Amino acid sequence: MKPRELRDLSAEELAAKEKEFREEEFKLRFKHATGQLEKTARLRLLRREIARVKTIMREKEASQ
């Protein structure tokens, strides 16, 4: 997701997105460990998405 799209979400929606991304990352890590993951770049992208969500959550928290 683009940062602009994430900034339009509420705090609850951001928390849900983070949880969704973490669950997907967890599943992909297992696939990677067993050698079943073909697109390893997705792991890197998910880590970036999680960081992006956490950054925006922090920005919203600081602005209140």
Protein backbone atom coordinates (compact mmCIF):
# COMPACT_ATOMS: atom_id res chain seq x y z
CA MET A 1 0.00 0.00 0.00
CA LYS A 2 1.05 3.53 -0.57
CA PRO A 3 1.78 5.71 2.48
CA ARG A 4 -0.95 8.11 1.43
CA GLU A 5 -3.51 5.30 1.53
CA LEU A 6 -2.30 4.21 4.96
CA ARG A 7 -2.53 7.74 6.37
CA ASP A 8 -6.22 7.81 5.48
CA LEU A 9 -6.91 4.79 7.71
CA SER A 10 -7.93 5.00 11.36
CA ALA A 11 -5.77 3.70 14.20
CA GLU A 12 -7.85 0.51 14.47
CA GLU A 13 -7.58 -0.12 10.74
CA LEU A 14 -3.81 0.42 10.87
CA ALA A 15 -3.51 -2.08 13.71
CA ALA A 16 -5.54 -4.58 11.68
CA LYS A 17 -3.30 -4.02 8.64
CA GLU A 18 -0.19 -4.57 10.75
CA LYS A 19 -1.62 -7.80 12.13
CA GLU A 20 -2.53 -8.95 8.61
CA PHE A 21 0.98 -8.22 7.31
CA ARG A 22 2.61 -9.97 10.29
CA GLU A 23 0.49 -13.09 9.78
CA GLU A 24 1.42 -13.21 6.10
CA GLU A 25 5.10 -12.71 6.95
CA PHE A 26 4.91 -15.55 9.48
CA LYS A 27 3.46 -17.93 6.88
CA LEU A 28 6.03 -16.91 4.29
CA ARG A 29 8.92 -17.43 6.71
CA PHE A 30 7.80 -21.02 7.22
CA LYS A 31 7.55 -21.57 3.48
CA HIS A 32 11.01 -20.05 3.05
CA ALA A 33 12.47 -22.30 5.75
CA THR A 34 11.06 -25.42 4.09
CA GLY A 35 12.20 -24.33 0.64
CA GLN A 36 8.69 -23.89 -0.78
CA LEU A 37 8.82 -20.12 -1.24
CA GLU A 38 9.52 -19.02 -4.80
CA LYS A 39 9.16 -15.24 -4.51
CA THR A 40 11.55 -14.44 -1.68
CA ALA A 41 11.32 -10.71 -2.39
CA ARG A 42 7.84 -10.74 -0.87
CA LEU A 43 9.40 -11.19 2.59
CA ARG A 44 11.38 -8.00 2.19
CA LEU A 45 8.34 -6.10 0.93
CA LEU A 46 6.26 -7.27 3.88
CA ARG A 47 8.91 -6.10 6.36
CA ARG A 48 8.83 -2.70 4.69
CA GLU A 49 5.03 -2.59 4.80
CA ILE A 50 5.05 -3.40 8.51
CA ALA A 51 7.60 -0.67 9.15
CA ARG A 52 5.56 1.78 7.08
CA VAL A 53 2.39 1.00 9.08
CA LYS A 54 4.23 1.32 12.39
CA THR A 55 5.74 4.64 11.33
CA ILE A 56 2.37 6.07 10.39
CA MET A 57 0.84 4.79 13.64
CA ARG A 58 3.62 6.54 15.51
CA GLU A 59 3.08 9.77 13.58
CA LYS A 60 -0.62 9.73 14.44
CA GLU A 61 0.17 9.00 18.07
CA ALA A 62 2.62 11.89 18.27
CA SER A 63 0.26 14.36 16.65
CA GLN A 64 -2.47 13.83 19.24
